Amino acid sequence: ACTSLAYNIGLGAFKASSVCRLTNRGEFGRAAECFLLWNKAGNPLKIVDGLDKRRKIEAALFMSGVR
């Protein structure tokens, strides 16, 4: 899930993201919630249905590996 997000938003943005930071801290639930911060595009930024769906799937995939 993190690889998919990083590929989509770029490695620099991923490295600076709350998803990465919280994952590294072991705060997996909060990290999963932060996937949804990356569901916007355009100028001005608006929620994009396809990105919103993708981020929800990524968050669910991310949490499926947490025990």
C-alpha atoms as a PDB file:
ATOM      1  CA  ALA A   1       0.000   0.000   0.000  1.00  0.00           C
ATOM      2  CA  CYS A   2       2.841   2.397   0.852  1.00  0.00           C
ATOM      3  CA  THR A   3       4.622   1.524  -2.381  1.00  0.00           C
ATOM      4  CA  SER A   4       1.474   2.295  -4.359  1.00  0.00           C
ATOM      5  CA  LEU A   5       1.050   5.641  -2.602  1.00  0.00           C
ATOM      6  CA  ALA A   6       4.740   6.536  -3.016  1.00  0.00           C
ATOM      7  CA  TYR A   7       4.627   5.677  -6.711  1.00  0.00           C
ATOM      8  CA  ASN A   8       1.553   7.855  -7.187  1.00  0.00           C
ATOM      9  CA  ILE A   9       2.606  10.931  -5.186  1.00  0.00           C
ATOM     10  CA  GLY A  10       6.379  10.690  -5.662  1.00  0.00           C
ATOM     11  CA  LEU A  11       9.089   9.527  -3.301  1.00  0.00           C
ATOM     12  CA  GLY A  12       9.854  13.001  -1.955  1.00  0.00           C
ATOM     13  CA  ALA A  13       6.237  13.658  -1.047  1.00  0.00           C
ATOM     14  CA  PHE A  14       5.895  10.205   0.472  1.00  0.00           C
ATOM     15  CA  LYS A  15       9.060  10.593   2.550  1.00  0.00           C
ATOM     16  CA  ALA A  16       7.663  13.842   4.013  1.00  0.00           C
ATOM     17  CA  SER A  17       4.134  12.453   4.470  1.00  0.00           C
ATOM     18  CA  SER A  18       2.310  11.706   7.673  1.00  0.00           C
ATOM     19  CA  VAL A  19       1.689   8.203   6.311  1.00  0.00           C
ATOM     20  CA  CYS A  20       5.444   7.533   6.292  1.00  0.00           C
ATOM     21  CA  ARG A  21       6.117   9.276   9.599  1.00  0.00           C
ATOM     22  CA  LEU A  22       3.313   7.495  11.464  1.00  0.00           C
ATOM     23  CA  THR A  23       4.180   4.124   9.941  1.00  0.00           C
ATOM     24  CA  ASN A  24       7.749   4.499  11.149  1.00  0.00           C
ATOM     25  CA  ARG A  25       6.428   5.274  14.650  1.00  0.00           C
ATOM     26  CA  GLY A  26       4.231   2.175  14.606  1.00  0.00           C
ATOM     27  CA  GLU A  27       1.017   4.224  14.662  1.00  0.00           C
ATOM     28  CA  PHE A  28      -0.607   2.145  11.952  1.00  0.00           C
ATOM     29  CA  GLY A  29      -4.235   3.127  12.510  1.00  0.00           C
ATOM     30  CA  ARG A  30      -3.429   6.815  12.287  1.00  0.00           C
ATOM     31  CA  ALA A  31      -1.185   6.190   9.259  1.00  0.00           C
ATOM     32  CA  ALA A  32      -4.043   4.422   7.476  1.00  0.00           C
ATOM     33  CA  GLU A  33      -6.326   7.407   8.094  1.00  0.00           C
ATOM     34  CA  CYS A  34      -3.736   9.688   6.504  1.00  0.00           C
ATOM     35  CA  PHE A  35      -3.901   7.896   3.161  1.00  0.00           C
ATOM     36  CA  LEU A  36      -7.108   9.884   2.609  1.00  0.00           C
ATOM     37  CA  LEU A  37      -5.198  13.160   2.763  1.00  0.00           C
ATOM     38  CA  TRP A  38      -3.921  12.321  -0.735  1.00  0.00           C
ATOM     39  CA  ASN A  39      -7.292  12.151  -2.541  1.00  0.00           C
ATOM     40  CA  LYS A  40      -7.213  15.624  -4.115  1.00  0.00           C
ATOM     41  CA  ALA A  41      -5.960  17.093  -7.391  1.00  0.00           C
ATOM     42  CA  GLY A  42      -6.329  20.192  -9.537  1.00  0.00           C
ATOM     43  CA  ASN A  43      -6.182  23.884  -8.889  1.00  0.00           C
ATOM     44  CA  PRO A  44      -7.952  24.592  -6.628  1.00  0.00           C
ATOM     45  CA  LEU A  45      -7.577  21.192  -4.978  1.00  0.00           C
ATOM     46  CA  LYS A  46     -10.744  19.108  -5.095  1.00  0.00           C
ATOM     47  CA  ILE A  47     -11.488  15.558  -4.027  1.00  0.00           C
ATOM     48  CA  VAL A  48     -11.241  13.288  -7.068  1.00  0.00           C
ATOM     49  CA  ASP A  49     -13.569  10.278  -6.909  1.00  0.00           C
ATOM     50  CA  GLY A  50     -10.998   7.927  -8.442  1.00  0.00           C
ATOM     51  CA  LEU A  51      -8.256   9.034  -6.040  1.00  0.00           C
ATOM     52  CA  ASP A  52     -10.628   8.809  -3.092  1.00  0.00           C
ATOM     53  CA  LYS A  53     -11.521   5.222  -4.015  1.00  0.00           C
ATOM     54  CA  ARG A  54      -7.850   4.336  -4.590  1.00  0.00           C
ATOM     55  CA  ARG A  55      -6.770   5.762  -1.215  1.00  0.00           C
ATOM     56  CA  LYS A  56      -9.519   3.879   0.626  1.00  0.00           C
ATOM     57  CA  ILE A  57      -8.385   0.638  -1.031  1.00  0.00           C
ATOM     58  CA  GLU A  58      -4.750   1.388  -0.175  1.00  0.00           C
ATOM     59  CA  ALA A  59      -5.650   2.141   3.450  1.00  0.00           C
ATOM     60  CA  ALA A  60      -7.584  -1.128   3.725  1.00  0.00           C
ATOM     61  CA  LEU A  61      -4.683  -3.045   2.178  1.00  0.00           C
ATOM     62  CA  PHE A  62      -2.283  -1.324   4.577  1.00  0.00           C
ATOM     63  CA  MET A  63      -4.368  -2.323   7.596  1.00  0.00           C
ATOM     64  CA  SER A  64      -4.791  -5.912   6.369  1.00  0.00           C
ATOM     65  CA  GLY A  65      -1.108  -6.504   7.132  1.00  0.00           C
ATOM     66  CA  VAL A  66      -1.253  -5.062  10.657  1.00  0.00           C
ATOM     67  CA  ARG A  67      -1.497  -7.604  13.473  1.00  0.00           C
END
